[in-house]
Amino acid sequence: MEVSSGLTSSFVSNSGVRKLCEYGLPAKVFKSKMDKNPNRRFFGCQLYKEGGNAHCKFFRWLDEEVIGWPKRALVEAQSVVKEKTEKIEELNATIFELRGDLERQNLEISSINTDDEKISIELGLQKRIDEMET
C-alpha cells in the first residue's frame, strides 16, 4: 500500500485511547494513496516506512469510510490530480531538454561568431598584405 505520513502528530484515536502497534510502539498516522481510499487516514506501526519492523501488520482506519457519490468524487478528483501531476512532470522534462538544446545552439553560434571573426581578421590581414605589395 502506498502511504504518506504527513500527519504524525496524533497518536490518539477519536475515542481518546492511545493506539499501540503489535509490538507496543505508539501507532503513527499515515495517509492512503490508494485509488480505492484516496487520502484516507489510518494508524500503522511507526517503523513501517523505515522498514525496521517488517513483521508488524498493525493497521486501523482513523477516518470513517466515505461512500456513495462523495467517494466517487474523491476518486475522480484524485485521478485528475494524478493526470495533471504526470503532465507537469512530462512538461518539466521537455523544458529541461529544450534548455539543453538551446544551450548547445548558443555554443555553436558563439563558435561560429568566433570563426567569422577569425576569417574577418585573416581577410583584413590579407588586404593589408595586398596593399603593401602594390
Protein backbone atom coordinates (compact mmCIF):
# COMPACT_ATOMS: atom_id res chain seq x y z
CA MET A 1 0.00 0.00 0.00
CA GLU A 2 1.33 3.41 -0.93
CA VAL A 3 1.18 5.76 2.04
CA SER A 4 2.07 9.25 3.11
CA SER A 5 3.00 10.13 6.67
CA GLY A 6 2.24 13.83 6.68
CA LEU A 7 0.03 13.51 9.73
CA THR A 8 2.27 12.27 12.52
CA SER A 9 1.44 14.45 15.49
CA SER A 10 -1.55 12.48 16.75
CA PHE A 11 -1.17 9.02 18.23
CA VAL A 12 -4.57 9.20 19.93
CA SER A 13 -7.75 7.93 18.29
CA ASN A 14 -11.10 9.70 18.29
CA SER A 15 -12.03 7.75 21.42
CA GLY A 16 -9.07 9.27 23.25
CA VAL A 17 -7.29 5.92 23.59
CA ARG A 18 -3.65 5.78 22.53
CA LYS A 19 -3.21 3.29 19.70
CA LEU A 20 -0.29 0.87 20.01
CA CYS A 21 1.03 -1.48 17.36
CA GLU A 22 1.50 -5.23 17.89
CA TYR A 23 4.94 -4.51 19.42
CA GLY A 24 3.67 -1.89 21.88
CA LEU A 25 5.01 1.11 19.98
CA PRO A 26 2.77 4.17 19.57
CA ALA A 27 0.97 3.97 16.24
CA LYS A 28 1.64 6.62 13.63
CA VAL A 29 -0.97 8.27 11.41
CA PHE A 30 -0.50 7.70 7.68
CA LYS A 31 -2.49 8.80 4.65
CA SER A 32 -3.54 6.29 1.99
CA LYS A 33 -2.57 6.98 -1.61
CA MET A 34 -4.52 4.05 -2.99
CA ASP A 35 -7.19 4.69 -5.63
CA LYS A 36 -9.75 2.85 -3.52
CA ASN A 37 -9.22 5.06 -0.43
CA PRO A 38 -7.54 8.29 -1.56
CA ASN A 39 -6.21 10.42 1.32
CA ARG A 40 -7.96 8.28 3.92
CA ARG A 41 -6.05 8.36 7.22
CA PHE A 42 -5.08 5.25 9.17
CA PHE A 43 -2.95 4.11 12.08
CA GLY A 44 0.08 1.95 11.35
CA CYS A 45 3.30 0.84 13.02
CA GLN A 46 5.70 3.79 13.29
CA LEU A 47 8.51 1.64 11.85
CA TYR A 48 6.53 0.79 8.69
CA LYS A 49 8.13 3.42 6.42
CA GLU A 50 11.63 2.85 7.77
CA GLY A 51 11.36 -0.86 7.01
CA GLY A 52 12.59 -1.66 10.50
CA ASN A 53 9.58 -3.71 11.54
CA ALA A 54 8.53 -5.81 8.58
CA HIS A 55 6.61 -8.29 10.75
CA CYS A 56 4.25 -5.80 12.39
CA LYS A 57 0.99 -5.73 10.43
CA PHE A 58 -0.82 -3.23 12.68
CA PHE A 59 -3.46 -1.31 10.70
CA ARG A 60 -6.59 0.59 11.78
CA TRP A 61 -8.58 3.17 9.84
CA LEU A 62 -8.73 6.55 11.55
CA ASP A 63 -11.37 8.09 9.29
CA GLU A 64 -14.78 6.71 8.52
CA GLU A 65 -15.11 5.34 5.02
CA VAL A 66 -16.62 7.74 2.51
CA ILE A 67 -19.28 6.03 0.41
CA GLY A 68 -21.56 6.90 -2.48
CA TRP A 69 -21.17 9.97 -4.66
CA PRO A 70 -18.68 11.72 -2.32
CA LYS A 71 -16.31 8.75 -2.69
CA ARG A 72 -16.73 8.74 -6.46
CA ALA A 73 -16.00 12.49 -6.48
CA LEU A 74 -12.87 11.94 -4.36
CA VAL A 75 -11.64 9.14 -6.60
CA GLU A 76 -12.30 11.23 -9.72
CA ALA A 77 -10.55 14.27 -8.24
CA GLN A 78 -7.58 12.10 -7.24
CA SER A 79 -7.41 10.77 -10.80
CA VAL A 80 -7.47 14.29 -12.26
CA VAL A 81 -4.73 15.42 -9.86
CA LYS A 82 -2.62 12.38 -10.82
CA GLU A 83 -3.06 13.09 -14.55
CA LYS A 84 -2.14 16.77 -14.08
CA THR A 85 0.90 15.85 -11.98
CA GLU A 86 2.10 13.43 -14.68
CA LYS A 87 1.57 16.09 -17.37
CA ILE A 88 3.51 18.65 -15.32
CA GLU A 89 6.40 16.18 -14.90
CA GLU A 90 6.34 15.49 -18.65
CA LEU A 91 6.37 19.23 -19.45
CA ASN A 92 9.21 19.85 -16.99
CA ALA A 93 11.25 17.12 -18.70
CA THR A 94 10.54 18.73 -22.09
CA ILE A 95 11.59 22.15 -20.75
CA PHE A 96 14.82 20.65 -19.38
CA GLU A 97 15.55 19.02 -22.74
CA LEU A 98 14.80 22.23 -24.68
CA ARG A 99 17.05 24.26 -22.38
CA GLY A 100 19.88 21.84 -23.11
CA ASP A 101 19.23 22.17 -26.86
CA LEU A 102 19.22 25.96 -26.58
CA GLU A 103 22.49 25.94 -24.65
CA ARG A 104 24.11 23.72 -27.31
CA GLN A 105 22.87 26.01 -30.09
CA ASN A 106 24.18 29.08 -28.27
CA LEU A 107 27.60 27.42 -28.02
CA GLU A 108 27.51 26.64 -31.74
CA ILE A 109 26.55 30.25 -32.53
CA SER A 110 29.33 31.51 -30.31
CA SER A 111 31.87 29.30 -32.12
CA ILE A 112 30.50 30.44 -35.49
CA ASN A 113 30.93 34.07 -34.42
CA THR A 114 34.48 33.29 -33.33
CA ASP A 115 35.19 31.64 -36.69
CA ASP A 116 33.69 34.65 -38.50
CA GLU A 117 35.93 36.95 -36.50
CA LYS A 118 38.98 34.84 -37.40
CA ILE A 119 38.04 34.92 -41.08
CA SER A 120 37.46 38.66 -40.88
CA ILE A 121 40.87 39.21 -39.26
CA GLU A 122 42.56 36.97 -41.83
CA LEU A 123 40.84 38.85 -44.67
CA GLY A 124 41.91 42.14 -43.13
CA LEU A 125 45.49 40.95 -42.90
CA GLN A 126 45.40 39.67 -46.46
CA LYS A 127 44.07 43.04 -47.64
CA ARG A 128 46.90 44.84 -45.85
CA ILE A 129 49.45 42.45 -47.37
CA ASP A 130 47.97 43.04 -50.82
CA GLU A 131 48.11 46.81 -50.27
CA MET A 132 51.74 46.59 -49.18
CA GLU A 133 52.67 44.61 -52.28
CA THR A 134 51.22 47.17 -54.64
